[in-house]
Amino acid sequence: MKNLLTCLALAGLALPALAAPAAADAASAPAAKKAPTAQQAKMTACNADAKAKDLKGDERKAFMKTCLSANKQEKQQDKMTSCNAEAKTKDLKGDERKAFMKECLSNKPA
């Protein structure tokens, strides 16, 4: 009987100690998840597309590379279109146009 009481007493002391780490983990967890960054959202979308197309190995790598860089290509195309239009309105030709386009494409934000 003494052994039973001793075991129960020790178990009573041990239970709060075992529950404390779980409570600490719950308390340290953030209240709400942070919103994903633009890159994380893009990665999620590209992963979903690759999975839907059932791509694997090198095919998947190539697809992911293209998918993740697509936005950069679109920005560059938008920049080129904008600079071309501006050069046309300024009626630039030859070396003047070439110099303008070089500066415009390197400095102008997309």
PDB file of N, CA and C in Angstrom:
ATOM      1  N   MET A   1       0.820  -1.183   0.000  1.00  0.00           N
ATOM      2  CA  MET A   1       0.000   0.000   0.000  1.00  0.00           C
ATOM      3  C   MET A   1       0.869   1.254   0.000  1.00  0.00           C
ATOM      4  N   LYS A   2       1.991   1.204   0.772  1.00  0.00           N
ATOM      5  CA  LYS A   2       2.889   2.350   0.804  1.00  0.00           C
ATOM      6  C   LYS A   2       3.466   2.603  -0.577  1.00  0.00           C
ATOM      7  N   ASN A   3       3.799   1.511  -1.272  1.00  0.00           N
ATOM      8  CA  ASN A   3       4.363   1.648  -2.622  1.00  0.00           C
ATOM      9  C   ASN A   3       3.353   2.293  -3.574  1.00  0.00           C
ATOM     10  N   LEU A   4       2.085   1.903  -3.456  1.00  0.00           N
ATOM     11  CA  LEU A   4       1.050   2.467  -4.304  1.00  0.00           C
ATOM     12  C   LEU A   4       0.900   3.953  -4.051  1.00  0.00           C
ATOM     13  N   LEU A   5       0.884   4.353  -2.786  1.00  0.00           N
ATOM     14  CA  LEU A   5       0.767   5.771  -2.438  1.00  0.00           C
ATOM     15  C   LEU A   5       1.992   6.559  -2.902  1.00  0.00           C
ATOM     16  N   THR A   6       3.150   5.950  -2.791  1.00  0.00           N
ATOM     17  CA  THR A   6       4.379   6.615  -3.231  1.00  0.00           C
ATOM     18  C   THR A   6       4.337   6.825  -4.746  1.00  0.00           C
ATOM     19  N   CYS A   7       3.898   5.811  -5.469  1.00  0.00           N
ATOM     20  CA  CYS A   7       3.809   5.922  -6.930  1.00  0.00           C
ATOM     21  C   CYS A   7       2.807   6.996  -7.340  1.00  0.00           C
ATOM     22  N   LEU A   8       1.666   7.038  -6.661  1.00  0.00           N
ATOM     23  CA  LEU A   8       0.661   8.047  -6.980  1.00  0.00           C
ATOM     24  C   LEU A   8       1.176   9.454  -6.679  1.00  0.00           C
ATOM     25  N   ALA A   9       1.878   9.591  -5.572  1.00  0.00           N
ATOM     26  CA  ALA A   9       2.430  10.896  -5.206  1.00  0.00           C
ATOM     27  C   ALA A   9       3.462  11.348  -6.240  1.00  0.00           C
ATOM     28  N   LEU A  10       4.334  10.421  -6.646  1.00  0.00           N
ATOM     29  CA  LEU A  10       5.340  10.768  -7.648  1.00  0.00           C
ATOM     30  C   LEU A  10       4.681  11.092  -8.993  1.00  0.00           C
ATOM     31  N   ALA A  11       3.656  10.348  -9.352  1.00  0.00           N
ATOM     32  CA  ALA A  11       2.951  10.604 -10.601  1.00  0.00           C
ATOM     33  C   ALA A  11       2.283  11.973 -10.545  1.00  0.00           C
ATOM     34  N   GLY A  12       1.745  12.333  -9.397  1.00  0.00           N
ATOM     35  CA  GLY A  12       1.114  13.646  -9.229  1.00  0.00           C
ATOM     36  C   GLY A  12       2.119  14.774  -9.395  1.00  0.00           C
ATOM     37  N   LEU A  13       3.353  14.533  -8.972  1.00  0.00           N
ATOM     38  CA  LEU A  13       4.397  15.549  -9.126  1.00  0.00           C
ATOM     39  C   LEU A  13       4.921  15.588 -10.565  1.00  0.00           C
ATOM     40  N   ALA A  14       4.940  14.434 -11.211  1.00  0.00           N
ATOM     41  CA  ALA A  14       5.505  14.348 -12.548  1.00  0.00           C
ATOM     42  C   ALA A  14       4.565  14.898 -13.623  1.00  0.00           C
ATOM     43  N   LEU A  15       3.274  14.749 -13.466  1.00  0.00           N
ATOM     44  CA  LEU A  15       2.332  15.193 -14.490  1.00  0.00           C
ATOM     45  C   LEU A  15       2.434  16.686 -14.788  1.00  0.00           C
ATOM     46  N   PRO A  16       2.457  17.561 -13.779  1.00  0.00           N
ATOM     47  CA  PRO A  16       2.601  18.989 -14.113  1.00  0.00           C
ATOM     48  C   PRO A  16       3.931  19.281 -14.811  1.00  0.00           C
ATOM     49  N   ALA A  17       4.976  18.572 -14.456  1.00  0.00           N
ATOM     50  CA  ALA A  17       6.269  18.795 -15.094  1.00  0.00           C
ATOM     51  C   ALA A  17       6.236  18.363 -16.559  1.00  0.00           C
ATOM     52  N   LEU A  18       5.486  17.297 -16.859  1.00  0.00           N
ATOM     53  CA  LEU A  18       5.370  16.840 -18.232  1.00  0.00           C
ATOM     54  C   LEU A  18       4.475  17.761 -19.053  1.00  0.00           C
ATOM     55  N   ALA A  19       3.477  18.345 -18.444  1.00  0.00           N
ATOM     56  CA  ALA A  19       2.550  19.220 -19.148  1.00  0.00           C
ATOM     57  C   ALA A  19       3.155  20.599 -19.399  1.00  0.00           C
ATOM     58  N   ALA A  20       4.113  21.025 -18.614  1.00  0.00           N
ATOM     59  CA  ALA A  20       4.698  22.363 -18.738  1.00  0.00           C
ATOM     60  C   ALA A  20       5.339  22.599 -20.103  1.00  0.00           C
ATOM     61  N   PRO A  21       6.149  21.672 -20.642  1.00  0.00           N
ATOM     62  CA  PRO A  21       6.732  21.947 -21.965  1.00  0.00           C
ATOM     63  C   PRO A  21       5.678  22.108 -23.054  1.00  0.00           C
ATOM     64  N   ALA A  22       4.616  21.348 -23.011  1.00  0.00           N
ATOM     65  CA  ALA A  22       3.559  21.467 -24.012  1.00  0.00           C
ATOM     66  C   ALA A  22       2.895  22.831 -23.915  1.00  0.00           C
ATOM     67  N   ALA A  23       2.670  23.295 -22.694  1.00  0.00           N
ATOM     68  CA  ALA A  23       2.064  24.603 -22.506  1.00  0.00           C
ATOM     69  C   ALA A  23       3.002  25.700 -22.981  1.00  0.00           C
ATOM     70  N   ALA A  24       4.295  25.528 -22.739  1.00  0.00           N
ATOM     71  CA  ALA A  24       5.273  26.524 -23.179  1.00  0.00           C
ATOM     72  C   ALA A  24       5.315  26.583 -24.704  1.00  0.00           C
ATOM     73  N   ASP A  25       5.236  25.425 -25.363  1.00  0.00           N
ATOM     74  CA  ASP A  25       5.224  25.408 -26.830  1.00  0.00           C
ATOM     75  C   ASP A  25       3.994  26.124 -27.369  1.00  0.00           C
ATOM     76  N   ALA A  26       2.857  25.889 -26.771  1.00  0.00           N
ATOM     77  CA  ALA A  26       1.621  26.531 -27.213  1.00  0.00           C
ATOM     78  C   ALA A  26       1.693  28.033 -27.001  1.00  0.00           C
ATOM     79  N   ALA A  27       2.310  28.470 -25.911  1.00  0.00           N
ATOM     80  CA  ALA A  27       2.405  29.892 -25.613  1.00  0.00           C
ATOM     81  C   ALA A  27       3.378  30.581 -26.558  1.00  0.00           C
ATOM     82  N   SER A  28       4.430  29.871 -26.986  1.00  0.00           N
ATOM     83  CA  SER A  28       5.424  30.499 -27.855  1.00  0.00           C
ATOM     84  C   SER A  28       4.992  30.504 -29.316  1.00  0.00           C
ATOM     85  N   ALA A  29       3.970  29.738 -29.680  1.00  0.00           N
ATOM     86  CA  ALA A  29       3.496  29.706 -31.063  1.00  0.00           C
ATOM     87  C   ALA A  29       2.858  31.047 -31.400  1.00  0.00           C
ATOM     88  N   PRO A  30       3.096  31.558 -32.615  1.00  0.00           N
ATOM     89  CA  PRO A  30       2.506  32.842 -32.985  1.00  0.00           C
ATOM     90  C   PRO A  30       0.989  32.726 -33.072  1.00  0.00           C
ATOM     91  N   ALA A  31       0.320  33.824 -32.780  1.00  0.00           N
ATOM     92  CA  ALA A  31      -1.136  33.836 -32.782  1.00  0.00           C
ATOM     93  C   ALA A  31      -1.671  33.582 -34.191  1.00  0.00           C
ATOM     94  N   ALA A  32      -1.029  34.160 -35.193  1.00  0.00           N
ATOM     95  CA  ALA A  32      -1.462  33.968 -36.568  1.00  0.00           C
ATOM     96  C   ALA A  32      -0.226  33.787 -37.443  1.00  0.00           C
ATOM     97  N   LYS A  33      -0.363  33.014 -38.500  1.00  0.00           N
ATOM     98  CA  LYS A  33       0.764  32.801 -39.403  1.00  0.00           C
ATOM     99  C   LYS A  33       1.027  34.079 -40.178  1.00  0.00           C
ATOM    100  N   LYS A  34       2.313  34.303 -40.474  1.00  0.00           N
ATOM    101  CA  LYS A  34       2.676  35.452 -41.293  1.00  0.00           C
ATOM    102  C   LYS A  34       2.258  35.181 -42.732  1.00  0.00           C
ATOM    103  N   ALA A  35       1.911  36.227 -43.430  1.00  0.00           N
ATOM    104  CA  ALA A  35       1.561  36.086 -44.839  1.00  0.00           C
ATOM    105  C   ALA A  35       2.816  35.713 -45.620  1.00  0.00           C
ATOM    106  N   PRO A  36       2.685  34.835 -46.614  1.00  0.00           N
ATOM    107  CA  PRO A  36       3.870  34.449 -47.384  1.00  0.00           C
ATOM    108  C   PRO A  36       4.390  35.624 -48.208  1.00  0.00           C
ATOM    109  N   THR A  37       5.686  35.636 -48.422  1.00  0.00           N
ATOM    110  CA  THR A  37       6.286  36.669 -49.256  1.00  0.00           C
ATOM    111  C   THR A  37       5.883  36.414 -50.704  1.00  0.00           C
ATOM    112  N   ALA A  38       6.157  37.363 -51.563  1.00  0.00           N
ATOM    113  CA  ALA A  38       5.814  37.201 -52.978  1.00  0.00           C
ATOM    114  C   ALA A  38       6.537  35.992 -53.569  1.00  0.00           C
ATOM    115  N   GLN A  39       7.802  35.826 -53.196  1.00  0.00           N
ATOM    116  CA  GLN A  39       8.585  34.695 -53.707  1.00  0.00           C
ATOM    117  C   GLN A  39       8.012  33.371 -53.212  1.00  0.00           C
ATOM    118  N   GLN A  40       7.590  33.327 -51.936  1.00  0.00           N
ATOM    119  CA  GLN A  40       7.011  32.101 -51.391  1.00  0.00           C
ATOM    120  C   GLN A  40       5.691  31.774 -52.092  1.00  0.00           C
ATOM    121  N   ALA A  41       4.889  32.785 -52.351  1.00  0.00           N
ATOM    122  CA  ALA A  41       3.613  32.571 -53.034  1.00  0.00           C
ATOM    123  C   ALA A  41       3.856  32.061 -54.461  1.00  0.00           C
ATOM    124  N   LYS A  42       4.860  32.631 -55.112  1.00  0.00           N
ATOM    125  CA  LYS A  42       5.205  32.214 -56.468  1.00  0.00           C
ATOM    126  C   LYS A  42       5.693  30.763 -56.474  1.00  0.00           C
ATOM    127  N   MET A  43       6.518  30.422 -55.487  1.00  0.00           N
ATOM    128  CA  MET A  43       7.044  29.061 -55.373  1.00  0.00           C
ATOM    129  C   MET A  43       5.892  28.077 -55.164  1.00  0.00           C
ATOM    130  N   THR A  44       4.948  28.439 -54.318  1.00  0.00           N
ATOM    131  CA  THR A  44       3.788  27.587 -54.064  1.00  0.00           C
ATOM    132  C   THR A  44       2.992  27.370 -55.350  1.00  0.00           C
ATOM    133  N   ALA A  45       2.762  28.439 -56.097  1.00  0.00           N
ATOM    134  CA  ALA A  45       1.996  28.336 -57.338  1.00  0.00           C
ATOM    135  C   ALA A  45       2.735  27.479 -58.372  1.00  0.00           C
ATOM    136  N   CYS A  46       4.029  27.699 -58.504  1.00  0.00           N
ATOM    137  CA  CYS A  46       4.817  26.916 -59.467  1.00  0.00           C
ATOM    138  C   CYS A  46       4.853  25.439 -59.074  1.00  0.00           C
ATOM    139  N   ASN A  47       4.994  25.173 -57.776  1.00  0.00           N
ATOM    140  CA  ASN A  47       4.977  23.781 -57.301  1.00  0.00           C
ATOM    141  C   ASN A  47       3.650  23.116 -57.624  1.00  0.00           C
ATOM    142  N   ALA A  48       2.560  23.844 -57.408  1.00  0.00           N
ATOM    143  CA  ALA A  48       1.239  23.290 -57.692  1.00  0.00           C
ATOM    144  C   ALA A  48       1.084  22.990 -59.184  1.00  0.00           C
ATOM    145  N   ASP A  49       1.575  23.901 -60.030  1.00  0.00           N
ATOM    146  CA  ASP A  49       1.505  23.676 -61.476  1.00  0.00           C
ATOM    147  C   ASP A  49       2.331  22.458 -61.885  1.00  0.00           C
ATOM    148  N   ALA A  50       3.534  22.349 -61.326  1.00  0.00           N
ATOM    149  CA  ALA A  50       4.400  21.212 -61.656  1.00  0.00           C
ATOM    150  C   ALA A  50       3.759  19.901 -61.211  1.00  0.00           C
ATOM    151  N   LYS A  51       3.135  19.930 -60.048  1.00  0.00           N
ATOM    152  CA  LYS A  51       2.473  18.723 -59.539  1.00  0.00           C
ATOM    153  C   LYS A  51       1.279  18.359 -60.422  1.00  0.00           C
ATOM    154  N   ALA A  52       0.507  19.366 -60.831  1.00  0.00           N
ATOM    155  CA  ALA A  52      -0.658  19.121 -61.680  1.00  0.00           C
ATOM    156  C   ALA A  52      -0.233  18.528 -63.026  1.00  0.00           C
ATOM    157  N   LYS A  53       0.929  18.943 -63.514  1.00  0.00           N
ATOM    158  CA  LYS A  53       1.438  18.421 -64.784  1.00  0.00           C
ATOM    159  C   LYS A  53       2.211  17.127 -64.599  1.00  0.00           C
ATOM    160  N   ASP A  54       2.341  16.684 -63.338  1.00  0.00           N
ATOM    161  CA  ASP A  54       3.025  15.439 -62.983  1.00  0.00           C
ATOM    162  C   ASP A  54       4.466  15.411 -63.518  1.00  0.00           C
ATOM    163  N   LEU A  55       5.177  16.536 -63.334  1.00  0.00           N
ATOM    164  CA  LEU A  55       6.558  16.635 -63.792  1.00  0.00           C
ATOM    165  C   LEU A  55       7.514  16.067 -62.760  1.00  0.00           C
ATOM    166  N   LYS A  56       8.586  15.454 -63.236  1.00  0.00           N
ATOM    167  CA  LYS A  56       9.578  14.867 -62.338  1.00  0.00           C
ATOM    168  C   LYS A  56      10.969  15.084 -62.918  1.00  0.00           C
ATOM    169  N   GLY A  57      11.960  15.056 -62.051  1.00  0.00           N
ATOM    170  CA  GLY A  57      13.358  15.109 -62.469  1.00  0.00           C
ATOM    171  C   GLY A  57      13.741  16.381 -63.202  1.00  0.00           C
ATOM    172  N   ASP A  58      14.485  16.199 -64.296  1.00  0.00           N
ATOM    173  CA  ASP A  58      14.990  17.334 -65.069  1.00  0.00           C
ATOM    174  C   ASP A  58      13.863  18.162 -65.683  1.00  0.00           C
ATOM    175  N   GLU A  59      12.774  17.489 -66.070  1.00  0.00           N
ATOM    176  CA  GLU A  59      11.629  18.211 -66.626  1.00  0.00           C
ATOM    177  C   GLU A  59      11.067  19.191 -65.602  1.00  0.00           C
ATOM    178  N   ARG A  60      10.958  18.717 -64.354  1.00  0.00           N
ATOM    179  CA  ARG A  60      10.433  19.555 -63.277  1.00  0.00           C
ATOM    180  C   ARG A  60      11.378  20.722 -62.991  1.00  0.00           C
ATOM    181  N   LYS A  61      12.681  20.432 -62.965  1.00  0.00           N
ATOM    182  CA  LYS A  61      13.672  21.490 -62.725  1.00  0.00           C
ATOM    183  C   LYS A  61      13.557  22.591 -63.765  1.00  0.00           C
ATOM    184  N   ALA A  62      13.486  22.174 -65.027  1.00  0.00           N
ATOM    185  CA  ALA A  62      13.393  23.151 -66.114  1.00  0.00           C
ATOM    186  C   ALA A  62      12.105  23.959 -66.006  1.00  0.00           C
ATOM    187  N   PHE A  63      11.008  23.280 -65.700  1.00  0.00           N
ATOM    188  CA  PHE A  63       9.728  23.974 -65.547  1.00  0.00           C
ATOM    189  C   PHE A  63       9.780  24.978 -64.404  1.00  0.00           C
ATOM    190  N   MET A  64      10.321  24.561 -63.263  1.00  0.00           N
ATOM    191  CA  MET A  64      10.391  25.441 -62.093  1.00  0.00           C
ATOM    192  C   MET A  64      11.258  26.663 -62.388  1.00  0.00           C
ATOM    193  N   LYS A  65      12.363  26.449 -63.073  1.00  0.00           N
ATOM    194  CA  LYS A  65      13.252  27.571 -63.411  1.00  0.00           C
ATOM    195  C   LYS A  65      12.508  28.588 -64.275  1.00  0.00           C
ATOM    196  N   THR A  66      11.813  28.096 -65.278  1.00  0.00           N
ATOM    197  CA  THR A  66      11.058  28.977 -66.165  1.00  0.00           C
ATOM    198  C   THR A  66       9.923  29.661 -65.417  1.00  0.00           C
ATOM    199  N   CYS A  67       9.206  28.892 -64.634  1.00  0.00           N
ATOM    200  CA  CYS A  67       8.063  29.426 -63.894  1.00  0.00           C
ATOM    201  C   CYS A  67       8.489  30.516 -62.911  1.00  0.00           C
ATOM    202  N   LEU A  68       9.558  30.262 -62.181  1.00  0.00           N
ATOM    203  CA  LEU A  68      10.002  31.224 -61.166  1.00  0.00           C
ATOM    204  C   LEU A  68      10.620  32.473 -61.783  1.00  0.00           C
ATOM    205  N   SER A  69      11.139  32.385 -62.990  1.00  0.00           N
ATOM    206  CA  SER A  69      11.735  33.562 -63.622  1.00  0.00           C
ATOM    207  C   SER A  69      10.767  34.269 -64.555  1.00  0.00           C
ATOM    208  N   ALA A  70       9.579  33.745 -64.730  1.00  0.00           N
ATOM    209  CA  ALA A  70       8.606  34.319 -65.663  1.00  0.00           C
ATOM    210  C   ALA A  70       8.312  35.774 -65.337  1.00  0.00           C
ATOM    211  N   ASN A  71       8.163  36.102 -64.095  1.00  0.00           N
ATOM    212  CA  ASN A  71       7.837  37.468 -63.701  1.00  0.00           C
ATOM    213  C   ASN A  71       8.959  38.422 -64.080  1.00  0.00           C
ATOM    214  N   LYS A  72      10.210  37.988 -63.922  1.00  0.00           N
ATOM    215  CA  LYS A  72      11.348  38.826 -64.293  1.00  0.00           C
ATOM    216  C   LYS A  72      11.322  39.105 -65.786  1.00  0.00           C
ATOM    217  N   GLN A  73      11.002  38.089 -66.580  1.00  0.00           N
ATOM    218  CA  GLN A  73      10.950  38.255 -68.031  1.00  0.00           C
ATOM    219  C   GLN A  73       9.845  39.224 -68.418  1.00  0.00           C
ATOM    220  N   GLU A  74       8.692  39.125 -67.757  1.00  0.00           N
ATOM    221  CA  GLU A  74       7.584  40.027 -68.041  1.00  0.00           C
ATOM    222  C   GLU A  74       7.964  41.461 -67.701  1.00  0.00           C
ATOM    223  N   LYS A  75       8.638  41.654 -66.575  1.00  0.00           N
ATOM    224  CA  LYS A  75       9.059  42.993 -66.187  1.00  0.00           C
ATOM    225  C   LYS A  75      10.015  43.567 -67.219  1.00  0.00           C
ATOM    226  N   GLN A  76      10.957  42.758 -67.695  1.00  0.00           N
ATOM    227  CA  GLN A  76      11.918  43.212 -68.687  1.00  0.00           C
ATOM    228  C   GLN A  76      11.211  43.564 -69.991  1.00  0.00           C
ATOM    229  N   GLN A  77      10.234  42.764 -70.383  1.00  0.00           N
ATOM    230  CA  GLN A  77       9.479  43.047 -71.606  1.00  0.00           C
ATOM    231  C   GLN A  77       8.681  44.340 -71.454  1.00  0.00           C
ATOM    232  N   ASP A  78       8.089  44.539 -70.279  1.00  0.00           N
ATOM    233  CA  ASP A  78       7.349  45.774 -70.025  1.00  0.00           C
ATOM    234  C   ASP A  78       8.280  46.975 -70.096  1.00  0.00           C
ATOM    235  N   LYS A  79       9.465  46.820 -69.535  1.00  0.00           N
ATOM    236  CA  LYS A  79      10.457  47.892 -69.539  1.00  0.00           C
ATOM    237  C   LYS A  79      10.870  48.210 -70.979  1.00  0.00           C
ATOM    238  N   MET A  80      11.093  47.180 -71.775  1.00  0.00           N
ATOM    239  CA  MET A  80      11.502  47.360 -73.174  1.00  0.00           C
ATOM    240  C   MET A  80      10.404  48.087 -73.951  1.00  0.00           C
ATOM    241  N   THR A  81       9.170  47.679 -73.763  1.00  0.00           N
ATOM    242  CA  THR A  81       8.037  48.314 -74.443  1.00  0.00           C
ATOM    243  C   THR A  81       7.948  49.790 -74.078  1.00  0.00           C
ATOM    244  N   SER A  82       8.079  50.062 -72.786  1.00  0.00           N
ATOM    245  CA  SER A  82       7.997  51.437 -72.298  1.00  0.00           C
ATOM    246  C   SER A  82       9.128  52.295 -72.869  1.00  0.00           C
ATOM    247  N   CYS A  83      10.342  51.773 -72.846  1.00  0.00           N
ATOM    248  CA  CYS A  83      11.495  52.524 -73.365  1.00  0.00           C
ATOM    249  C   CYS A  83      11.379  52.749 -74.865  1.00  0.00           C
ATOM    250  N   ASN A  84      10.906  51.738 -75.604  1.00  0.00           N
ATOM    251  CA  ASN A  84      10.708  51.884 -77.046  1.00  0.00           C
ATOM    252  C   ASN A  84       9.700  52.988 -77.350  1.00  0.00           C
ATOM    253  N   ALA A  85       8.603  52.994 -76.601  1.00  0.00           N
ATOM    254  CA  ALA A  85       7.576  54.007 -76.810  1.00  0.00           C
ATOM    255  C   ALA A  85       8.127  55.401 -76.532  1.00  0.00           C
ATOM    256  N   GLU A  86       8.896  55.515 -75.452  1.00  0.00           N
ATOM    257  CA  GLU A  86       9.476  56.808 -75.094  1.00  0.00           C
ATOM    258  C   GLU A  86      10.478  57.264 -76.157  1.00  0.00           C
ATOM    259  N   ALA A  87      11.296  56.362 -76.668  1.00  0.00           N
ATOM    260  CA  ALA A  87      12.258  56.705 -77.713  1.00  0.00           C
ATOM    261  C   ALA A  87      11.537  57.146 -78.980  1.00  0.00           C
ATOM    262  N   LYS A  88      10.413  56.493 -79.258  1.00  0.00           N
ATOM    263  CA  LYS A  88       9.646  56.846 -80.459  1.00  0.00           C
ATOM    264  C   LYS A  88       9.037  58.240 -80.323  1.00  0.00           C
ATOM    265  N   THR A  89       8.489  58.563 -79.145  1.00  0.00           N
ATOM    266  CA  THR A  89       7.896  59.892 -78.942  1.00  0.00           C
ATOM    267  C   THR A  89       8.954  60.987 -79.006  1.00  0.00           C
ATOM    268  N   LYS A  90      10.185  60.662 -78.611  1.00  0.00           N
ATOM    269  CA  LYS A  90      11.288  61.635 -78.679  1.00  0.00           C
ATOM    270  C   LYS A  90      11.925  61.659 -80.065  1.00  0.00           C
ATOM    271  N   ASP A  91      11.449  60.771 -80.953  1.00  0.00           N
ATOM    272  CA  ASP A  91      11.938  60.669 -82.324  1.00  0.00           C
ATOM    273  C   ASP A  91      13.456  60.490 -82.379  1.00  0.00           C
ATOM    274  N   LEU A  92      13.950  59.554 -81.538  1.00  0.00           N
ATOM    275  CA  LEU A  92      15.386  59.295 -81.490  1.00  0.00           C
ATOM    276  C   LEU A  92      15.773  58.287 -82.557  1.00  0.00           C
ATOM    277  N   LYS A  93      16.949  58.480 -83.139  1.00  0.00           N
ATOM    278  CA  LYS A  93      17.455  57.589 -84.184  1.00  0.00           C
ATOM    279  C   LYS A  93      18.934  57.307 -83.945  1.00  0.00           C
ATOM    280  N   GLY A  94      19.415  56.190 -84.474  1.00  0.00           N
ATOM    281  CA  GLY A  94      20.838  55.856 -84.474  1.00  0.00           C
ATOM    282  C   GLY A  94      21.471  55.773 -83.096  1.00  0.00           C
ATOM    283  N   ASP A  95      22.636  56.417 -82.977  1.00  0.00           N
ATOM    284  CA  ASP A  95      23.397  56.363 -81.728  1.00  0.00           C
ATOM    285  C   ASP A  95      22.654  57.004 -80.556  1.00  0.00           C
ATOM    286  N   GLU A  96      21.897  58.079 -80.844  1.00  0.00           N
ATOM    287  CA  GLU A  96      21.113  58.718 -79.768  1.00  0.00           C
ATOM    288  C   GLU A  96      20.111  57.724 -79.177  1.00  0.00           C
ATOM    289  N   ARG A  97      19.427  57.013 -80.083  1.00  0.00           N
ATOM    290  CA  ARG A  97      18.428  56.023 -79.629  1.00  0.00           C
ATOM    291  C   ARG A  97      19.103  54.894 -78.852  1.00  0.00           C
ATOM    292  N   LYS A  98      20.224  54.429 -79.373  1.00  0.00           N
ATOM    293  CA  LYS A  98      20.958  53.343 -78.733  1.00  0.00           C
ATOM    294  C   LYS A  98      21.384  53.745 -77.316  1.00  0.00           C
ATOM    295  N   ALA A  99      21.922  54.941 -77.155  1.00  0.00           N
ATOM    296  CA  ALA A  99      22.354  55.429 -75.844  1.00  0.00           C
ATOM    297  C   ALA A  99      21.159  55.595 -74.905  1.00  0.00           C
ATOM    298  N   PHE A 100      20.063  56.143 -75.468  1.00  0.00           N
ATOM    299  CA  PHE A 100      18.859  56.319 -74.657  1.00  0.00           C
ATOM    300  C   PHE A 100      18.323  54.975 -74.173  1.00  0.00           C
ATOM    301  N   MET A 101      18.235  54.005 -75.068  1.00  0.00           N
ATOM    302  CA  MET A 101      17.702  52.693 -74.715  1.00  0.00           C
ATOM    303  C   MET A 101      18.575  52.009 -73.665  1.00  0.00           C
ATOM    304  N   LYS A 102      19.876  52.148 -73.821  1.00  0.00           N
ATOM    305  CA  LYS A 102      20.783  51.532 -72.849  1.00  0.00           C
ATOM    306  C   LYS A 102      20.534  52.103 -71.450  1.00  0.00           C
ATOM    307  N   GLU A 103      20.436  53.424 -71.368  1.00  0.00           N
ATOM    308  CA  GLU A 103      20.200  54.062 -70.069  1.00  0.00           C
ATOM    309  C   GLU A 103      18.802  53.742 -69.546  1.00  0.00           C
ATOM    310  N   CYS A 104      17.826  53.816 -70.410  1.00  0.00           N
ATOM    311  CA  CYS A 104      16.444  53.566 -70.005  1.00  0.00           C
ATOM    312  C   CYS A 104      16.281  52.145 -69.465  1.00  0.00           C
ATOM    313  N   LEU A 105      16.832  51.172 -70.160  1.00  0.00           N
ATOM    314  CA  LEU A 105      16.663  49.776 -69.748  1.00  0.00           C
ATOM    315  C   LEU A 105      17.443  49.445 -68.471  1.00  0.00           C
ATOM    316  N   SER A 106      18.511  50.164 -68.219  1.00  0.00           N
ATOM    317  CA  SER A 106      19.298  49.857 -67.022  1.00  0.00           C
ATOM    318  C   SER A 106      18.806  50.606 -65.796  1.00  0.00           C
ATOM    319  N   ASN A 107      18.158  51.738 -65.975  1.00  0.00           N
ATOM    320  CA  ASN A 107      17.751  52.560 -64.826  1.00  0.00           C
ATOM    321  C   ASN A 107      16.273  52.542 -64.507  1.00  0.00           C
ATOM    322  N   LYS A 108      15.462  52.456 -65.495  1.00  0.00           N
ATOM    323  CA  LYS A 108      14.020  52.624 -65.316  1.00  0.00           C
ATOM    324  C   LYS A 108      13.417  51.423 -64.576  1.00  0.00           C
ATOM    325  N   PRO A 109      12.724  51.660 -63.466  1.00  0.00           N
ATOM    326  CA  PRO A 109      12.076  50.529 -62.783  1.00  0.00           C
ATOM    327  C   PRO A 109      10.926  49.986 -63.610  1.00  0.00           C
ATOM    328  N   ALA A 110      10.734  48.669 -63.485  1.00  0.00           N
ATOM    329  CA  ALA A 110       9.659  48.031 -64.267  1.00  0.00           C
ATOM    330  C   ALA A 110       8.318  48.356 -63.681  1.00  0.00           C
TER     331      ALA A 110
END
